[in-house]
Amino acid sequence: MNLDRGMWPEALVAAVASLSVGWPLTTLLQEQTWVADAVIVVAVVAVLGAVLRSFDLLPSLVALAQLAVGI
């Protein structure tokens, strides 16, 4: 396991960017119940990607795992 390979700062920036892109939807939708779930999913996907990259897995496997978790 190589923690430097996990690219943790990049995963954090990507998660924040994803949340900031989705944030304007809060003004369009009347119910806000989806916001907490969205934050949790984005955090789980970001952490999963960083952990899998730490194990030096192929990038395609990391992306497929993140896609599966996101869905």
PDB file of N, CA and C in Angstrom:
ATOM      1  N   MET A   1       0.857  -1.184   0.000  1.00  0.00           N
ATOM      2  CA  MET A   1       0.000   0.000   0.000  1.00  0.00           C
ATOM      3  C   MET A   1       0.896   1.239   0.000  1.00  0.00           C
ATOM      4  N   ASN A   2       0.671   2.113  -0.932  1.00  0.00           N
ATOM      5  CA  ASN A   2       1.467   3.324  -1.085  1.00  0.00           C
ATOM      6  C   ASN A   2       0.532   4.528  -0.959  1.00  0.00           C
ATOM      7  N   LEU A   3       0.549   5.185   0.197  1.00  0.00           N
ATOM      8  CA  LEU A   3      -0.388   6.287   0.443  1.00  0.00           C
ATOM      9  C   LEU A   3      -0.163   7.471  -0.491  1.00  0.00           C
ATOM     10  N   ASP A   4       1.087   7.668  -0.942  1.00  0.00           N
ATOM     11  CA  ASP A   4       1.352   8.764  -1.887  1.00  0.00           C
ATOM     12  C   ASP A   4       0.665   8.513  -3.216  1.00  0.00           C
ATOM     13  N   ARG A   5       0.536   7.260  -3.596  1.00  0.00           N
ATOM     14  CA  ARG A   5      -0.095   6.897  -4.862  1.00  0.00           C
ATOM     15  C   ARG A   5      -1.600   7.153  -4.822  1.00  0.00           C
ATOM     16  N   GLY A   6      -2.171   7.224  -3.634  1.00  0.00           N
ATOM     17  CA  GLY A   6      -3.610   7.414  -3.496  1.00  0.00           C
ATOM     18  C   GLY A   6      -4.116   8.778  -3.942  1.00  0.00           C
ATOM     19  N   MET A   7      -3.211   9.747  -4.041  1.00  0.00           N
ATOM     20  CA  MET A   7      -3.574  11.102  -4.490  1.00  0.00           C
ATOM     21  C   MET A   7      -4.728  11.669  -3.648  1.00  0.00           C
ATOM     22  N   TRP A   8      -4.559  11.667  -2.341  1.00  0.00           N
ATOM     23  CA  TRP A   8      -5.612  12.112  -1.425  1.00  0.00           C
ATOM     24  C   TRP A   8      -5.999  13.579  -1.619  1.00  0.00           C
ATOM     25  N   PRO A   9      -5.036  14.499  -1.772  1.00  0.00           N
ATOM     26  CA  PRO A   9      -5.451  15.902  -1.985  1.00  0.00           C
ATOM     27  C   PRO A   9      -6.273  16.076  -3.265  1.00  0.00           C
ATOM     28  N   GLU A  10      -5.897  15.347  -4.309  1.00  0.00           N
ATOM     29  CA  GLU A  10      -6.635  15.432  -5.563  1.00  0.00           C
ATOM     30  C   GLU A  10      -8.043  14.876  -5.412  1.00  0.00           C
ATOM     31  N   ALA A  11      -8.176  13.809  -4.631  1.00  0.00           N
ATOM     32  CA  ALA A  11      -9.501  13.234  -4.381  1.00  0.00           C
ATOM     33  C   ALA A  11     -10.379  14.233  -3.627  1.00  0.00           C
ATOM     34  N   LEU A  12      -9.788  14.943  -2.666  1.00  0.00           N
ATOM     35  CA  LEU A  12     -10.542  15.961  -1.924  1.00  0.00           C
ATOM     36  C   LEU A  12     -10.985  17.095  -2.837  1.00  0.00           C
ATOM     37  N   VAL A  13     -10.094  17.557  -3.694  1.00  0.00           N
ATOM     38  CA  VAL A  13     -10.438  18.638  -4.620  1.00  0.00           C
ATOM     39  C   VAL A  13     -11.541  18.190  -5.584  1.00  0.00           C
ATOM     40  N   ALA A  14     -11.440  16.959  -6.067  1.00  0.00           N
ATOM     41  CA  ALA A  14     -12.469  16.442  -6.975  1.00  0.00           C
ATOM     42  C   ALA A  14     -13.821  16.332  -6.276  1.00  0.00           C
ATOM     43  N   ALA A  15     -13.816  15.909  -5.014  1.00  0.00           N
ATOM     44  CA  ALA A  15     -15.069  15.796  -4.261  1.00  0.00           C
ATOM     45  C   ALA A  15     -15.694  17.169  -4.038  1.00  0.00           C
ATOM     46  N   VAL A  16     -14.881  18.138  -3.668  1.00  0.00           N
ATOM     47  CA  VAL A  16     -15.391  19.500  -3.449  1.00  0.00           C
ATOM     48  C   VAL A  16     -15.913  20.087  -4.757  1.00  0.00           C
ATOM     49  N   ALA A  17     -15.207  19.832  -5.847  1.00  0.00           N
ATOM     50  CA  ALA A  17     -15.663  20.326  -7.150  1.00  0.00           C
ATOM     51  C   ALA A  17     -16.996  19.692  -7.539  1.00  0.00           C
ATOM     52  N   SER A  18     -17.140  18.401  -7.294  1.00  0.00           N
ATOM     53  CA  SER A  18     -18.405  17.725  -7.614  1.00  0.00           C
ATOM     54  C   SER A  18     -19.555  18.289  -6.792  1.00  0.00           C
ATOM     55  N   LEU A  19     -19.300  18.521  -5.518  1.00  0.00           N
ATOM     56  CA  LEU A  19     -20.355  19.082  -4.670  1.00  0.00           C
ATOM     57  C   LEU A  19     -20.701  20.515  -5.059  1.00  0.00           C
ATOM     58  N   SER A  20     -19.695  21.288  -5.443  1.00  0.00           N
ATOM     59  CA  SER A  20     -19.971  22.677  -5.824  1.00  0.00           C
ATOM     60  C   SER A  20     -20.752  22.761  -7.129  1.00  0.00           C
ATOM     61  N   VAL A  21     -20.539  21.803  -8.024  1.00  0.00           N
ATOM     62  CA  VAL A  21     -21.304  21.784  -9.268  1.00  0.00           C
ATOM     63  C   VAL A  21     -22.764  21.446  -9.000  1.00  0.00           C
ATOM     64  N   GLY A  22     -22.999  20.551  -8.051  1.00  0.00           N
ATOM     65  CA  GLY A  22     -24.366  20.155  -7.729  1.00  0.00           C
ATOM     66  C   GLY A  22     -25.098  21.108  -6.810  1.00  0.00           C
ATOM     67  N   TRP A  23     -24.369  21.976  -6.131  1.00  0.00           N
ATOM     68  CA  TRP A  23     -24.997  22.866  -5.150  1.00  0.00           C
ATOM     69  C   TRP A  23     -26.108  23.757  -5.727  1.00  0.00           C
ATOM     70  N   PRO A  24     -25.998  24.308  -6.937  1.00  0.00           N
ATOM     71  CA  PRO A  24     -27.088  25.142  -7.469  1.00  0.00           C
ATOM     72  C   PRO A  24     -28.422  24.408  -7.603  1.00  0.00           C
ATOM     73  N   LEU A  25     -28.389  23.087  -7.619  1.00  0.00           N
ATOM     74  CA  LEU A  25     -29.643  22.336  -7.685  1.00  0.00           C
ATOM     75  C   LEU A  25     -30.501  22.544  -6.439  1.00  0.00           C
ATOM     76  N   THR A  26     -29.887  22.965  -5.349  1.00  0.00           N
ATOM     77  CA  THR A  26     -30.660  23.170  -4.120  1.00  0.00           C
ATOM     78  C   THR A  26     -31.667  24.307  -4.271  1.00  0.00           C
ATOM     79  N   THR A  27     -31.392  25.246  -5.165  1.00  0.00           N
ATOM     80  CA  THR A  27     -32.349  26.337  -5.373  1.00  0.00           C
ATOM     81  C   THR A  27     -33.454  25.944  -6.354  1.00  0.00           C
ATOM     82  N   LEU A  28     -33.199  24.898  -7.153  1.00  0.00           N
ATOM     83  CA  LEU A  28     -34.183  24.479  -8.144  1.00  0.00           C
ATOM     84  C   LEU A  28     -35.189  23.471  -7.602  1.00  0.00           C
ATOM     85  N   LEU A  29     -34.757  22.676  -6.659  1.00  0.00           N
ATOM     86  CA  LEU A  29     -35.606  21.609  -6.131  1.00  0.00           C
ATOM     87  C   LEU A  29     -36.202  22.021  -4.798  1.00  0.00           C
ATOM     88  N   GLN A  30     -37.468  21.739  -4.617  1.00  0.00           N
ATOM     89  CA  GLN A  30     -38.171  22.156  -3.405  1.00  0.00           C
ATOM     90  C   GLN A  30     -37.707  21.364  -2.189  1.00  0.00           C
ATOM     91  N   GLU A  31     -37.570  20.056  -2.343  1.00  0.00           N
ATOM     92  CA  GLU A  31     -37.154  19.214  -1.220  1.00  0.00           C
ATOM     93  C   GLU A  31     -35.629  19.150  -1.167  1.00  0.00           C
ATOM     94  N   GLN A  32     -35.070  19.171   0.022  1.00  0.00           N
ATOM     95  CA  GLN A  32     -33.619  19.146   0.202  1.00  0.00           C
ATOM     96  C   GLN A  32     -33.130  17.824   0.790  1.00  0.00           C
ATOM     97  N   THR A  33     -33.971  16.803   0.763  1.00  0.00           N
ATOM     98  CA  THR A  33     -33.605  15.537   1.383  1.00  0.00           C
ATOM     99  C   THR A  33     -32.462  14.825   0.665  1.00  0.00           C
ATOM    100  N   TRP A  34     -32.210  15.148  -0.574  1.00  0.00           N
ATOM    101  CA  TRP A  34     -31.185  14.491  -1.373  1.00  0.00           C
ATOM    102  C   TRP A  34     -29.781  15.002  -1.085  1.00  0.00           C
ATOM    103  N   VAL A  35     -29.661  16.165  -0.438  1.00  0.00           N
ATOM    104  CA  VAL A  35     -28.355  16.798  -0.268  1.00  0.00           C
ATOM    105  C   VAL A  35     -27.433  15.940   0.609  1.00  0.00           C
ATOM    106  N   ALA A  36     -27.931  15.468   1.734  1.00  0.00           N
ATOM    107  CA  ALA A  36     -27.096  14.660   2.628  1.00  0.00           C
ATOM    108  C   ALA A  36     -26.654  13.376   1.939  1.00  0.00           C
ATOM    109  N   ASP A  37     -27.563  12.750   1.218  1.00  0.00           N
ATOM    110  CA  ASP A  37     -27.208  11.529   0.492  1.00  0.00           C
ATOM    111  C   ASP A  37     -26.158  11.806  -0.576  1.00  0.00           C
ATOM    112  N   ALA A  38     -26.276  12.918  -1.260  1.00  0.00           N
ATOM    113  CA  ALA A  38     -25.306  13.272  -2.297  1.00  0.00           C
ATOM    114  C   ALA A  38     -23.921  13.502  -1.699  1.00  0.00           C
ATOM    115  N   VAL A  39     -23.872  14.164  -0.567  1.00  0.00           N
ATOM    116  CA  VAL A  39     -22.582  14.409   0.097  1.00  0.00           C
ATOM    117  C   VAL A  39     -21.946  13.082   0.511  1.00  0.00           C
ATOM    118  N   ILE A  40     -22.739  12.176   1.030  1.00  0.00           N
ATOM    119  CA  ILE A  40     -22.220  10.870   1.457  1.00  0.00           C
ATOM    120  C   ILE A  40     -21.701  10.079   0.261  1.00  0.00           C
ATOM    121  N   VAL A  41     -22.455  10.057  -0.823  1.00  0.00           N
ATOM    122  CA  VAL A  41     -22.030   9.304  -2.009  1.00  0.00           C
ATOM    123  C   VAL A  41     -20.745   9.886  -2.583  1.00  0.00           C
ATOM    124  N   VAL A  42     -20.656  11.190  -2.679  1.00  0.00           N
ATOM    125  CA  VAL A  42     -19.440  11.818  -3.215  1.00  0.00           C
ATOM    126  C   VAL A  42     -18.244  11.501  -2.318  1.00  0.00           C
ATOM    127  N   ALA A  43     -18.431  11.560  -1.006  1.00  0.00           N
ATOM    128  CA  ALA A  43     -17.336  11.253  -0.080  1.00  0.00           C
ATOM    129  C   ALA A  43     -16.898   9.792  -0.196  1.00  0.00           C
ATOM    130  N   VAL A  44     -17.859   8.886  -0.277  1.00  0.00           N
ATOM    131  CA  VAL A  44     -17.525   7.460  -0.388  1.00  0.00           C
ATOM    132  C   VAL A  44     -16.786   7.169  -1.694  1.00  0.00           C
ATOM    133  N   VAL A  45     -17.248   7.746  -2.776  1.00  0.00           N
ATOM    134  CA  VAL A  45     -16.593   7.529  -4.070  1.00  0.00           C
ATOM    135  C   VAL A  45     -15.165   8.088  -4.050  1.00  0.00           C
ATOM    136  N   ALA A  46     -14.970   9.258  -3.461  1.00  0.00           N
ATOM    137  CA  ALA A  46     -13.638   9.866  -3.409  1.00  0.00           C
ATOM    138  C   ALA A  46     -12.688   9.035  -2.544  1.00  0.00           C
ATOM    139  N   VAL A  47     -13.157   8.602  -1.392  1.00  0.00           N
ATOM    140  CA  VAL A  47     -12.310   7.802  -0.495  1.00  0.00           C
ATOM    141  C   VAL A  47     -12.001   6.445  -1.128  1.00  0.00           C
ATOM    142  N   LEU A  48     -12.991   5.828  -1.732  1.00  0.00           N
ATOM    143  CA  LEU A  48     -12.770   4.545  -2.386  1.00  0.00           C
ATOM    144  C   LEU A  48     -11.712   4.657  -3.486  1.00  0.00           C
ATOM    145  N   GLY A  49     -11.814   5.701  -4.300  1.00  0.00           N
ATOM    146  CA  GLY A  49     -10.834   5.894  -5.358  1.00  0.00           C
ATOM    147  C   GLY A  49      -9.430   6.069  -4.810  1.00  0.00           C
ATOM    148  N   ALA A  50      -9.288   6.870  -3.765  1.00  0.00           N
ATOM    149  CA  ALA A  50      -7.966   7.088  -3.179  1.00  0.00           C
ATOM    150  C   ALA A  50      -7.410   5.805  -2.562  1.00  0.00           C
ATOM    151  N   VAL A  51      -8.258   5.037  -1.900  1.00  0.00           N
ATOM    152  CA  VAL A  51      -7.803   3.785  -1.285  1.00  0.00           C
ATOM    153  C   VAL A  51      -7.380   2.788  -2.362  1.00  0.00           C
ATOM    154  N   LEU A  52      -8.184   2.649  -3.394  1.00  0.00           N
ATOM    155  CA  LEU A  52      -7.842   1.703  -4.452  1.00  0.00           C
ATOM    156  C   LEU A  52      -6.579   2.118  -5.199  1.00  0.00           C
ATOM    157  N   ARG A  53      -6.399   3.421  -5.404  1.00  0.00           N
ATOM    158  CA  ARG A  53      -5.160   3.880  -6.040  1.00  0.00           C
ATOM    159  C   ARG A  53      -3.959   3.603  -5.149  1.00  0.00           C
ATOM    160  N   SER A  54      -4.152   3.625  -3.833  1.00  0.00           N
ATOM    161  CA  SER A  54      -3.060   3.332  -2.896  1.00  0.00           C
ATOM    162  C   SER A  54      -2.573   1.898  -3.036  1.00  0.00           C
ATOM    163  N   PHE A  55      -3.443   1.004  -3.502  1.00  0.00           N
ATOM    164  CA  PHE A  55      -3.070  -0.386  -3.710  1.00  0.00           C
ATOM    165  C   PHE A  55      -2.511  -0.632  -5.115  1.00  0.00           C
ATOM    166  N   ASP A  56      -2.233   0.442  -5.838  1.00  0.00           N
ATOM    167  CA  ASP A  56      -1.643   0.361  -7.185  1.00  0.00           C
ATOM    168  C   ASP A  56      -2.472  -0.471  -8.151  1.00  0.00           C
ATOM    169  N   LEU A  57      -3.787  -0.356  -8.069  1.00  0.00           N
ATOM    170  CA  LEU A  57      -4.654  -1.027  -9.032  1.00  0.00           C
ATOM    171  C   LEU A  57      -4.650  -0.265 -10.352  1.00  0.00           C
ATOM    172  N   LEU A  58      -5.038  -0.938 -11.389  1.00  0.00           N
ATOM    173  CA  LEU A  58      -5.139  -0.285 -12.689  1.00  0.00           C
ATOM    174  C   LEU A  58      -6.175   0.842 -12.632  1.00  0.00           C
ATOM    175  N   PRO A  59      -5.909   1.947 -13.295  1.00  0.00           N
ATOM    176  CA  PRO A  59      -6.870   3.061 -13.275  1.00  0.00           C
ATOM    177  C   PRO A  59      -8.253   2.668 -13.771  1.00  0.00           C
ATOM    178  N   SER A  60      -8.323   1.764 -14.731  1.00  0.00           N
ATOM    179  CA  SER A  60      -9.632   1.345 -15.230  1.00  0.00           C
ATOM    180  C   SER A  60     -10.415   0.596 -14.154  1.00  0.00           C
ATOM    181  N   LEU A  61      -9.734  -0.197 -13.332  1.00  0.00           N
ATOM    182  CA  LEU A  61     -10.421  -0.895 -12.244  1.00  0.00           C
ATOM    183  C   LEU A  61     -10.896   0.083 -11.166  1.00  0.00           C
ATOM    184  N   VAL A  62     -10.076   1.088 -10.910  1.00  0.00           N
ATOM    185  CA  VAL A  62     -10.485   2.111  -9.933  1.00  0.00           C
ATOM    186  C   VAL A  62     -11.733   2.833 -10.422  1.00  0.00           C
ATOM    187  N   ALA A  63     -11.733   3.218 -11.683  1.00  0.00           N
ATOM    188  CA  ALA A  63     -12.878   3.939 -12.239  1.00  0.00           C
ATOM    189  C   ALA A  63     -14.132   3.063 -12.243  1.00  0.00           C
ATOM    190  N   LEU A  64     -13.983   1.784 -12.578  1.00  0.00           N
ATOM    191  CA  LEU A  64     -15.145   0.886 -12.573  1.00  0.00           C
ATOM    192  C   LEU A  64     -15.692   0.690 -11.160  1.00  0.00           C
ATOM    193  N   ALA A  65     -14.810   0.572 -10.185  1.00  0.00           N
ATOM    194  CA  ALA A  65     -15.250   0.428  -8.801  1.00  0.00           C
ATOM    195  C   ALA A  65     -15.979   1.683  -8.331  1.00  0.00           C
ATOM    196  N   GLN A  66     -15.447   2.851  -8.677  1.00  0.00           N
ATOM    197  CA  GLN A  66     -16.101   4.099  -8.307  1.00  0.00           C
ATOM    198  C   GLN A  66     -17.460   4.232  -8.990  1.00  0.00           C
ATOM    199  N   LEU A  67     -17.543   3.830 -10.230  1.00  0.00           N
ATOM    200  CA  LEU A  67     -18.815   3.862 -10.945  1.00  0.00           C
ATOM    201  C   LEU A  67     -19.840   2.936 -10.283  1.00  0.00           C
ATOM    202  N   ALA A  68     -19.403   1.745  -9.925  1.00  0.00           N
ATOM    203  CA  ALA A  68     -20.305   0.777  -9.280  1.00  0.00           C
ATOM    204  C   ALA A  68     -20.819   1.307  -7.945  1.00  0.00           C
ATOM    205  N   VAL A  69     -19.946   1.908  -7.166  1.00  0.00           N
ATOM    206  CA  VAL A  69     -20.357   2.454  -5.873  1.00  0.00           C
ATOM    207  C   VAL A  69     -21.282   3.666  -6.078  1.00  0.00           C
ATOM    208  N   GLY A  70     -20.954   4.485  -7.058  1.00  0.00           N
ATOM    209  CA  GLY A  70     -21.779   5.668  -7.329  1.00  0.00           C
ATOM    210  C   GLY A  70     -23.175   5.322  -7.784  1.00  0.00           C
ATOM    211  N   ILE A  71     -23.296   4.250  -8.515  1.00  0.00           N
ATOM    212  CA  ILE A  71     -24.622   3.829  -8.999  1.00  0.00           C
ATOM    213  C   ILE A  71     -25.385   3.202  -7.866  1.00  0.00           C
TER     214      ILE A  71
END
